[in-house]
Amino acid sequence: MTPTLLPRSSRSTHSSRPRVAAAVAFCLLAAGTLAALTAAPGHAAGAPLPPGTYVYVANSSSDSVSVIDTATNTVVDTVPAGISPTGVAASADGRHVYVTDSGSGAVRVIDTQAASGPAVVAIILVGVQPQSAVLSPDGSRLYVGNDVSGTVSVIDTAADSVIATVPSGSGAEGLAVSPDGSRLYVANTGNHSVTVINTADDTVTATVQVGASPVGLTVSPDGSHVYVPDYGDGTLTVIDTASDTATANVPIGGSPHSAVVSPDGASVYVTDAASGTVSVVGTATDAVTSTFSVGAAPHGIALTMAPGGGSAYVADFGASDVSVVNLSSDTLTATVPVGTNPVYLAASVIPPAPTALTAGTATLTLLPLGEADLNATLTSAGVPLAGQRITFTDTAGGFLCRATTDQAGRAACSTAPGLLDSVGVLLTGYRASFAADRYYSASAAHGDTALL
């Protein structure tokens, strides 16, 4: 099926059924870079998204996707996304975001690096009322749950075309894929089951009965268990993937909607649309260990992880905002206004642009004794980078001097470290290094020293 370009947005009546969970992303918060002459803070309107971690939120009643920059927890862009967008999946490289346009029976593909800013670049027709989307681990396949059709559309992301349609069950809404990509799990709200699909040949291999109206299910990092929020009976069903059987049923209360597992597999975070809370379930005991409050009618949930700790981003369907929760303390740290009735969200990292550093040849000076014109040129994709700090050291790491790159990307400085250090630099050369920041990756180079 050939994708349709240059989409048009319109409005429709939104379904009151429980919404399906979109792909839940685990992201390592990383410093990034962007190839440019100088680094500019934040996202400029009408420009590609700069490196960083972003959360993409499907606003079903605003017909849009809000883009949240997690560095500031603010909306930096809003993209029209058809009629009643619900599910979201984001590629691992941060380049593409896939949104289910449930009112049009399509998936809209957003390019975050489009020249004029994030924009829809393709429309892929799928089944009736697509509610959820999830990418395979390698990003080559997008799976879309079609609620009314009771099917899963399999999309080749390289061609943006449907290559298979798999019958799954009544009300195919929630989707999750195993870490190795070999199995797809589909939550069927209509017949209270989870369908297991072999992704090698797109065939159904098992059907597991769970609680009433299962929605936003998730898979453990090791692939051993699937956790299924049962919206209709207030429980979380635990499936053993080795036997494809339900092995536990955890009381959550209210209307559990979506779930996500922590990267270490120790905890499952479950949103409860009825109580405005998130329950934390310990996977060792299959019991609720704590509960924290968020906004009204929480639906989708995504985690971002950083060296200093992680955060949960929760789509508050009833409050038209996203709650940001510190996972170390289970405390609300921010509330981000988005569009009306946000359903699901996904997180992804746009990585730093690579840099290249080339060091030149310095010269030994006698009065004073030292090195003149320690120099290096910094580029990214062949473009000189100005205004960046370069540090020069001896090969053992001893500091020599520091300089800022000019418009040609060149930094140069001189130093007089003394007899021993000067002789050492003459014999072994020097090291030029550039430290990473949000926009640029780290790089280093070795330079030589010559006699006058």
Protein backbone atom coordinates (compact mmCIF):
# COMPACT_ATOMS: atom_id res chain seq x y z
CA MET A 1 0.00 0.00 0.00
CA THR A 2 1.44 3.36 -1.02
CA PRO A 3 1.50 6.06 1.69
CA THR A 4 -0.50 9.20 1.04
CA LEU A 5 1.47 12.45 1.27
CA LEU A 6 0.44 15.97 2.36
CA PRO A 7 -2.32 14.98 4.82
CA ARG A 8 -5.38 17.03 5.73
CA SER A 9 -6.78 17.29 9.23
CA SER A 10 -10.48 17.24 10.12
CA ARG A 11 -12.67 16.60 13.11
CA SER A 12 -14.92 13.77 14.24
CA THR A 13 -16.83 12.50 17.26
CA HIS A 14 -14.51 10.70 19.69
CA SER A 15 -15.23 7.27 21.08
CA SER A 16 -15.94 6.87 24.81
CA ARG A 17 -14.42 3.38 24.89
CA PRO A 18 -11.26 2.78 26.91
CA ARG A 19 -8.34 3.95 24.82
CA VAL A 20 -5.56 1.63 23.75
CA ALA A 21 -2.01 1.94 25.02
CA ALA A 22 0.63 3.14 22.65
CA ALA A 23 4.20 1.92 22.66
CA VAL A 24 5.85 2.72 25.98
CA ALA A 25 9.42 3.88 25.56
CA PHE A 26 12.39 3.51 27.84
CA CYS A 27 14.91 6.25 27.12
CA LEU A 28 18.32 6.97 28.53
CA LEU A 29 18.52 10.70 29.03
CA ALA A 30 21.61 11.69 27.10
CA ALA A 31 23.46 14.89 26.40
CA GLY A 32 23.20 15.69 22.70
CA THR A 33 24.54 17.77 19.92
CA LEU A 34 23.28 19.41 16.74
CA ALA A 35 25.44 20.16 13.70
CA ALA A 36 25.47 23.95 13.43
CA LEU A 37 27.89 26.83 13.63
CA THR A 38 26.85 27.60 17.19
CA ALA A 39 24.64 25.91 19.75
CA ALA A 40 21.21 27.47 20.28
CA PRO A 41 19.20 26.76 23.43
CA GLY A 42 15.91 24.88 23.05
CA HIS A 43 13.78 24.35 19.97
CA ALA A 44 13.27 27.19 17.51
CA ALA A 45 9.86 27.32 15.82
CA GLY A 46 9.97 26.16 12.22
CA ALA A 47 13.15 24.13 12.72
CA PRO A 48 14.01 20.45 13.28
CA LEU A 49 13.95 19.28 16.89
CA PRO A 50 17.43 19.55 18.42
CA PRO A 51 19.03 16.63 20.25
CA GLY A 52 17.43 15.68 23.54
CA THR A 53 14.74 13.48 25.06
CA TYR A 54 11.16 14.17 23.98
CA VAL A 55 7.75 12.86 24.96
CA TYR A 56 5.09 12.79 22.21
CA VAL A 57 1.46 13.03 23.37
CA ALA A 58 -1.60 12.13 21.29
CA ASN A 59 -4.43 14.59 22.04
CA SER A 60 -7.58 12.85 20.88
CA SER A 61 -9.98 15.80 21.06
CA SER A 62 -7.49 18.40 19.77
CA ASP A 63 -6.49 16.26 16.79
CA SER A 64 -2.83 16.92 17.51
CA VAL A 65 0.42 15.64 18.98
CA SER A 66 2.16 17.71 21.65
CA VAL A 67 5.96 17.53 21.78
CA ILE A 68 7.41 17.85 25.30
CA ASP A 69 11.09 18.62 25.82
CA THR A 70 11.98 16.72 29.01
CA ALA A 71 14.90 19.05 29.73
CA THR A 72 12.42 21.84 30.50
CA ASN A 73 9.14 19.91 30.72
CA THR A 74 7.50 22.32 28.31
CA VAL A 75 5.65 21.82 25.02
CA VAL A 76 7.99 22.95 22.25
CA ASP A 77 5.84 22.01 19.26
CA THR A 78 2.35 20.86 18.33
CA VAL A 79 1.71 18.80 15.19
CA PRO A 80 -1.75 18.33 13.55
CA ALA A 81 -2.44 14.59 13.48
CA GLY A 82 -5.71 13.87 11.70
CA ILE A 83 -8.93 12.89 13.46
CA SER A 84 -8.83 11.70 17.06
CA PRO A 85 -5.20 10.55 17.36
CA THR A 86 -4.71 7.98 20.12
CA GLY A 87 -1.67 5.69 19.92
CA VAL A 88 1.94 6.82 19.56
CA ALA A 89 5.22 5.03 18.81
CA ALA A 90 8.60 6.73 18.42
CA SER A 91 11.66 5.35 16.64
CA ALA A 92 14.77 4.68 18.72
CA ASP A 93 16.79 7.27 16.79
CA GLY A 94 14.16 9.94 17.44
CA ARG A 95 13.66 10.63 13.73
CA HIS A 96 10.10 9.35 13.25
CA VAL A 97 6.93 9.31 15.32
CA TYR A 98 3.97 7.15 14.32
CA VAL A 99 0.48 8.25 15.36
CA THR A 100 -2.75 6.31 14.98
CA ASP A 101 -5.36 8.54 13.33
CA SER A 102 -8.34 6.60 14.65
CA GLY A 103 -10.97 8.75 12.94
CA SER A 104 -9.42 8.27 9.50
CA GLY A 105 -8.35 4.64 9.74
CA ALA A 106 -4.73 5.59 9.18
CA VAL A 107 -1.29 6.04 10.68
CA ARG A 108 0.42 9.40 10.31
CA VAL A 109 4.21 9.47 10.12
CA ILE A 110 5.89 12.53 11.66
CA ASP A 111 9.44 13.46 10.71
CA THR A 112 10.97 15.26 13.70
CA GLN A 113 13.86 16.49 11.54
CA ALA A 114 11.82 18.08 8.75
CA ALA A 115 13.39 21.37 7.65
CA SER A 116 10.41 23.47 8.76
CA GLY A 117 9.92 21.57 12.02
CA PRO A 118 8.18 18.31 12.98
CA ALA A 119 5.58 17.51 10.33
CA VAL A 120 3.49 14.67 8.92
CA VAL A 121 5.27 13.28 5.87
CA ALA A 122 3.15 10.21 5.11
CA ILE A 123 -0.28 8.69 5.77
CA ILE A 124 -0.66 4.90 5.79
CA LEU A 125 -4.19 3.46 5.55
CA VAL A 126 -4.85 0.62 8.01
CA GLY A 127 -8.01 -0.89 9.59
CA VAL A 128 -11.03 0.72 11.18
CA GLN A 129 -10.35 2.86 14.26
CA PRO A 130 -6.66 2.13 14.87
CA GLN A 131 -5.99 2.74 18.56
CA SER A 132 -2.45 1.58 19.30
CA ALA A 133 0.96 1.29 17.71
CA VAL A 134 4.24 -0.34 18.68
CA LEU A 135 7.56 -0.70 16.87
CA SER A 136 9.66 -3.84 16.64
CA PRO A 137 12.96 -3.59 18.56
CA ASP A 138 14.90 -3.07 15.31
CA GLY A 139 12.41 -0.48 14.09
CA SER A 140 11.73 -2.29 10.82
CA ARG A 141 8.08 -3.07 11.59
CA LEU A 142 5.23 -1.04 13.03
CA TYR A 143 2.28 -2.96 14.45
CA VAL A 144 -1.08 -1.20 14.62
CA GLY A 145 -4.10 -2.43 16.60
CA ASN A 146 -7.38 -1.78 14.76
CA ASP A 147 -10.14 -1.70 17.36
CA VAL A 148 -13.29 -2.04 15.22
CA SER A 149 -11.67 -4.31 12.61
CA GLY A 150 -10.27 -6.65 15.28
CA THR A 151 -7.00 -6.86 13.37
CA VAL A 152 -3.36 -5.91 13.53
CA SER A 153 -1.79 -4.12 10.55
CA VAL A 154 1.90 -4.88 9.98
CA ILE A 155 3.78 -1.97 8.39
CA ASP A 156 7.19 -1.99 6.75
CA THR A 157 8.67 1.26 8.09
CA ALA A 158 11.23 1.54 5.29
CA ALA A 159 8.44 1.68 2.70
CA ASP A 160 5.65 3.07 4.92
CA SER A 161 3.31 0.39 3.59
CA VAL A 162 1.13 -2.39 5.04
CA ILE A 163 2.60 -5.82 4.32
CA ALA A 164 0.23 -8.01 6.36
CA THR A 165 -3.07 -7.89 8.25
CA VAL A 166 -3.52 -10.36 11.11
CA PRO A 167 -6.94 -11.19 12.65
CA SER A 168 -6.48 -10.84 16.41
CA GLY A 169 -9.71 -10.50 18.33
CA SER A 170 -12.64 -8.24 19.09
CA GLY A 171 -11.50 -4.76 20.04
CA ALA A 172 -7.77 -5.09 19.30
CA GLU A 173 -6.52 -2.11 21.31
CA GLY A 174 -3.41 -2.69 23.40
CA LEU A 175 -0.09 -3.80 21.85
CA ALA A 176 3.29 -4.86 23.22
CA VAL A 177 6.22 -6.60 21.57
CA SER A 178 8.72 -8.95 23.22
CA PRO A 179 12.28 -7.62 23.72
CA ASP A 180 13.64 -9.97 21.04
CA GLY A 181 10.88 -8.98 18.61
CA SER A 182 9.66 -12.55 18.14
CA ARG A 183 6.20 -12.13 19.67
CA LEU A 184 3.47 -9.53 19.60
CA TYR A 185 0.85 -9.38 22.34
CA VAL A 186 -2.56 -7.88 21.57
CA ALA A 187 -5.12 -6.86 24.22
CA ASN A 188 -8.64 -7.53 22.95
CA THR A 189 -11.19 -5.48 24.90
CA GLY A 190 -14.17 -7.17 23.25
CA ASN A 191 -13.47 -10.77 24.24
CA HIS A 192 -11.31 -10.17 27.32
CA SER A 193 -8.23 -11.87 25.98
CA VAL A 194 -4.64 -11.42 24.85
CA THR A 195 -3.68 -12.75 21.43
CA VAL A 196 -0.09 -13.93 20.90
CA ILE A 197 1.29 -13.44 17.37
CA ASN A 198 4.48 -14.98 15.96
CA THR A 199 6.11 -12.07 14.16
CA ALA A 200 8.24 -14.31 11.93
CA ASP A 201 5.19 -15.37 9.89
CA ASP A 202 2.46 -13.07 11.36
CA THR A 203 0.33 -15.94 12.64
CA VAL A 204 -1.60 -16.33 15.90
CA THR A 205 -0.01 -18.92 18.19
CA ALA A 206 -2.08 -18.58 21.37
CA THR A 207 -4.99 -16.78 23.03
CA VAL A 208 -4.93 -16.13 26.78
CA GLN A 209 -8.07 -15.25 28.73
CA VAL A 210 -7.57 -12.33 31.11
CA GLY A 211 -9.82 -9.90 32.99
CA ALA A 212 -12.55 -7.67 31.58
CA SER A 213 -11.64 -5.12 28.89
CA PRO A 214 -7.84 -5.42 28.83
CA VAL A 215 -6.12 -2.34 27.44
CA GLY A 216 -2.53 -1.03 27.72
CA LEU A 217 -0.45 -4.14 28.33
CA THR A 218 3.36 -4.28 28.61
CA VAL A 219 6.18 -6.86 28.53
CA SER A 220 8.96 -7.28 31.10
CA PRO A 221 12.51 -6.42 29.95
CA ASP A 222 13.50 -10.10 29.94
CA GLY A 223 10.36 -11.12 28.06
CA SER A 224 9.26 -13.57 30.74
CA HIS A 225 5.98 -11.88 31.69
CA VAL A 226 3.24 -9.74 30.20
CA TYR A 227 1.31 -7.39 32.47
CA VAL A 228 -2.27 -6.64 31.40
CA PRO A 229 -4.41 -3.87 32.96
CA ASP A 230 -8.01 -5.10 33.05
CA TYR A 231 -9.97 -1.87 32.70
CA GLY A 232 -13.32 -3.54 33.32
CA ASP A 233 -12.63 -5.31 36.60
CA GLY A 234 -9.89 -3.32 38.36
CA THR A 235 -7.08 -5.86 38.16
CA LEU A 236 -3.70 -6.50 36.59
CA THR A 237 -3.32 -9.93 34.98
CA VAL A 238 0.18 -11.44 34.90
CA ILE A 239 0.93 -13.80 32.00
CA ASP A 240 3.83 -16.28 32.00
CA THR A 241 5.12 -16.12 28.41
CA ALA A 242 6.79 -19.54 28.58
CA SER A 243 3.41 -21.23 28.97
CA ASP A 244 1.11 -18.46 27.71
CA THR A 245 -1.03 -18.76 30.81
CA ALA A 246 -2.28 -16.26 33.38
CA THR A 247 -0.42 -16.91 36.64
CA ALA A 248 -1.54 -14.03 38.87
CA ASN A 249 -4.25 -11.43 39.22
CA VAL A 250 -3.29 -8.28 41.14
CA PRO A 251 -6.07 -6.05 42.57
CA ILE A 252 -5.52 -2.44 41.46
CA GLY A 253 -8.98 -0.93 41.95
CA GLY A 254 -10.96 1.46 39.82
CA SER A 255 -10.18 1.24 36.09
CA PRO A 256 -6.54 0.28 35.40
CA HIS A 257 -5.67 1.49 31.94
CA SER A 258 -1.99 1.28 30.96
CA ALA A 259 1.17 -0.28 32.35
CA VAL A 260 4.91 0.00 31.94
CA VAL A 261 7.76 -1.97 33.53
CA SER A 262 10.87 -0.35 34.97
CA PRO A 263 14.10 -1.10 33.06
CA ASP A 264 15.33 -3.37 35.88
CA GLY A 265 12.09 -5.35 35.76
CA ALA A 266 11.41 -4.84 39.47
CA SER A 267 8.31 -2.65 39.24
CA VAL A 268 5.22 -2.26 37.09
CA TYR A 269 3.57 1.17 36.98
CA VAL A 270 -0.20 0.97 36.34
CA THR A 271 -2.45 3.98 35.68
CA ASP A 272 -5.93 3.98 37.20
CA ALA A 273 -8.32 6.16 35.21
CA ALA A 274 -10.98 6.01 37.94
CA SER A 275 -8.93 7.21 40.92
CA GLY A 276 -6.37 9.50 39.27
CA THR A 277 -3.48 7.43 40.59
CA VAL A 278 -0.62 5.21 39.52
CA SER A 279 -0.06 1.93 41.38
CA VAL A 280 3.42 0.45 41.71
CA VAL A 281 3.42 -3.34 41.58
CA GLY A 282 6.47 -5.30 42.76
CA THR A 283 7.17 -8.06 40.27
CA ALA A 284 8.78 -10.29 42.90
CA THR A 285 5.55 -10.54 44.88
CA ASP A 286 2.91 -9.48 42.34
CA ALA A 287 1.50 -7.05 44.89
CA VAL A 288 0.98 -3.28 45.04
CA THR A 289 3.83 -1.68 46.98
CA SER A 290 2.82 1.99 46.69
CA THR A 291 0.44 4.40 44.96
CA PHE A 292 0.90 8.02 43.92
CA SER A 293 -1.54 10.63 42.66
CA VAL A 294 -1.47 12.24 39.21
CA GLY A 295 -4.12 14.12 37.20
CA ALA A 296 -7.70 13.22 36.30
CA ALA A 297 -8.35 9.97 34.41
CA PRO A 298 -4.72 8.96 33.67
CA HIS A 299 -4.34 6.88 30.53
CA GLY A 300 -0.95 6.26 28.87
CA ILE A 301 2.37 6.22 30.73
CA ALA A 302 6.00 6.34 29.57
CA LEU A 303 9.29 6.32 31.45
CA THR A 304 12.47 8.27 30.81
CA MET A 305 15.60 7.10 32.60
CA ALA A 306 18.69 9.12 33.47
CA PRO A 307 21.85 8.45 35.49
CA GLY A 308 20.42 10.47 38.37
CA GLY A 309 17.04 8.70 38.32
CA GLY A 310 13.97 8.41 36.16
CA SER A 311 10.63 10.07 35.58
CA ALA A 312 7.18 8.84 34.66
CA TYR A 313 5.15 10.85 32.15
CA VAL A 314 1.42 10.23 32.53
CA ALA A 315 -1.27 11.40 30.09
CA ASP A 316 -4.12 12.83 32.19
CA PHE A 317 -7.08 12.30 29.85
CA GLY A 318 -9.50 14.18 32.07
CA ALA A 319 -7.22 17.13 32.83
CA SER A 320 -5.66 17.75 29.41
CA ASP A 321 -2.16 17.71 30.81
CA VAL A 322 0.78 15.39 31.44
CA SER A 323 1.93 14.66 34.98
CA VAL A 324 5.68 14.26 35.51
CA VAL A 325 6.63 12.09 38.49
CA ASN A 326 10.07 11.54 40.06
CA LEU A 327 10.39 7.76 40.33
CA SER A 328 12.90 7.94 43.18
CA SER A 329 10.39 9.60 45.48
CA ASP A 330 7.08 8.97 43.68
CA THR A 331 6.41 12.71 43.83
CA LEU A 332 4.84 15.00 41.23
CA THR A 333 7.51 17.38 39.91
CA ALA A 334 5.68 19.07 37.02
CA THR A 335 2.35 19.35 35.25
CA VAL A 336 2.58 20.09 31.53
CA PRO A 337 -0.51 21.48 29.75
CA VAL A 338 -1.09 19.72 26.40
CA GLY A 339 -4.08 19.30 24.11
CA THR A 340 -7.56 18.13 25.02
CA ASN A 341 -8.01 14.52 26.18
CA PRO A 342 -4.46 13.15 25.83
CA VAL A 343 -4.57 9.39 25.43
CA TYR A 344 -1.14 7.85 24.95
CA LEU A 345 2.39 9.00 24.79
CA ALA A 346 5.84 7.75 23.84
CA ALA A 347 9.36 8.89 24.64
CA SER A 348 12.41 8.91 22.41
CA VAL A 349 15.92 10.36 22.29
CA ILE A 350 17.26 12.41 19.39
CA PRO A 351 20.98 11.68 19.68
CA PRO A 352 23.80 14.22 19.42
CA ALA A 353 25.32 14.96 16.05
CA PRO A 354 28.83 13.48 15.71
CA THR A 355 31.81 15.81 15.70
CA ALA A 356 35.31 15.48 14.29
CA LEU A 357 38.37 17.15 15.78
CA THR A 358 41.59 17.52 13.79
CA ALA A 359 44.76 18.65 15.58
CA GLY A 360 47.58 20.50 13.83
CA THR A 361 51.29 20.91 14.62
CA ALA A 362 52.45 23.20 17.42
CA THR A 363 55.97 24.66 17.68
CA LEU A 364 58.45 24.63 20.56
CA THR A 365 59.39 28.11 21.82
CA LEU A 366 62.50 28.98 23.80
CA LEU A 367 61.62 32.33 25.39
CA PRO A 368 59.57 31.51 27.25
CA LEU A 369 60.09 27.76 27.06
CA GLY A 370 56.85 26.20 25.91
CA GLU A 371 54.60 25.45 22.93
CA ALA A 372 53.07 27.95 20.55
CA ASP A 373 50.00 27.47 18.39
CA LEU A 374 48.57 24.33 19.92
CA ASN A 375 45.62 24.08 17.54
CA ALA A 376 42.64 21.99 16.46
CA THR A 377 39.66 22.35 14.13
CA LEU A 378 36.18 21.13 15.12
CA THR A 379 33.53 20.17 12.55
CA SER A 380 30.27 18.27 12.33
CA ALA A 381 29.28 16.72 9.00
CA GLY A 382 31.98 18.88 7.47
CA VAL A 383 30.54 22.12 8.90
CA PRO A 384 32.89 24.17 11.12
CA LEU A 385 31.62 24.64 14.68
CA ALA A 386 32.23 28.07 16.17
CA GLY A 387 32.12 29.13 19.79
CA GLN A 388 33.09 25.74 21.20
CA ARG A 389 35.71 25.21 23.93
CA ILE A 390 38.70 22.99 23.12
CA THR A 391 41.03 21.77 25.86
CA PHE A 392 44.69 20.98 25.18
CA THR A 393 46.64 18.59 27.42
CA ASP A 394 49.84 16.58 27.29
CA THR A 395 49.45 12.91 26.47
CA ALA A 396 49.34 12.07 30.18
CA GLY A 397 46.38 14.39 30.70
CA GLY A 398 48.23 17.36 32.17
CA PHE A 399 46.49 20.66 31.36
CA LEU A 400 48.25 22.96 28.88
CA CYS A 401 45.72 25.57 27.74
CA ARG A 402 42.15 26.10 26.53
CA ALA A 403 40.72 28.03 23.58
CA THR A 404 37.41 28.73 21.79
CA THR A 405 36.81 27.87 18.15
CA ASP A 406 36.45 30.72 15.63
CA GLN A 407 34.14 30.87 12.61
CA ALA A 408 36.41 28.42 10.79
CA GLY A 409 36.07 25.98 13.69
CA ARG A 410 39.73 26.53 14.68
CA ALA A 411 40.94 26.96 18.26
CA ALA A 412 44.56 27.83 19.13
CA CYS A 413 46.52 28.78 22.24
CA SER A 414 50.06 28.79 23.58
CA THR A 415 51.55 27.65 26.88
CA ALA A 416 54.79 27.65 28.86
CA PRO A 417 54.63 24.61 31.14
CA GLY A 418 58.33 24.41 31.94
CA LEU A 419 61.31 22.36 30.82
CA LEU A 420 60.16 18.81 31.55
CA ASP A 421 56.64 19.26 30.28
CA SER A 422 57.83 21.12 27.19
CA VAL A 423 60.27 18.35 26.32
CA GLY A 424 57.55 15.77 26.92
CA VAL A 425 55.16 17.55 24.58
CA LEU A 426 57.93 17.87 22.00
CA LEU A 427 58.62 14.14 22.14
CA THR A 428 55.08 12.74 22.44
CA GLY A 429 52.84 15.52 21.11
CA TYR A 430 49.64 16.82 22.68
CA ARG A 431 45.95 15.99 22.92
CA ALA A 432 43.05 18.22 21.89
CA SER A 433 39.60 17.34 23.23
CA PHE A 434 36.04 18.60 22.98
CA ALA A 435 33.57 17.66 25.75
CA ALA A 436 30.00 16.70 24.80
CA ASP A 437 27.05 18.92 25.58
CA ARG A 438 23.39 18.67 24.57
CA TYR A 439 24.10 19.57 20.96
CA TYR A 440 27.50 18.10 20.14
CA SER A 441 29.18 14.76 20.76
CA ALA A 442 32.64 14.49 22.29
CA SER A 443 35.71 14.12 20.12
CA ALA A 444 39.49 14.19 20.50
CA ALA A 445 42.64 14.27 18.39
CA HIS A 446 46.41 13.99 18.75
CA GLY A 447 48.70 16.74 17.57
CA ASP A 448 52.49 16.95 17.11
CA THR A 449 55.04 19.51 18.21
CA ALA A 450 57.93 20.64 16.02
CA LEU A 451 61.10 22.66 16.69
CA LEU A 452 61.23 26.25 15.49
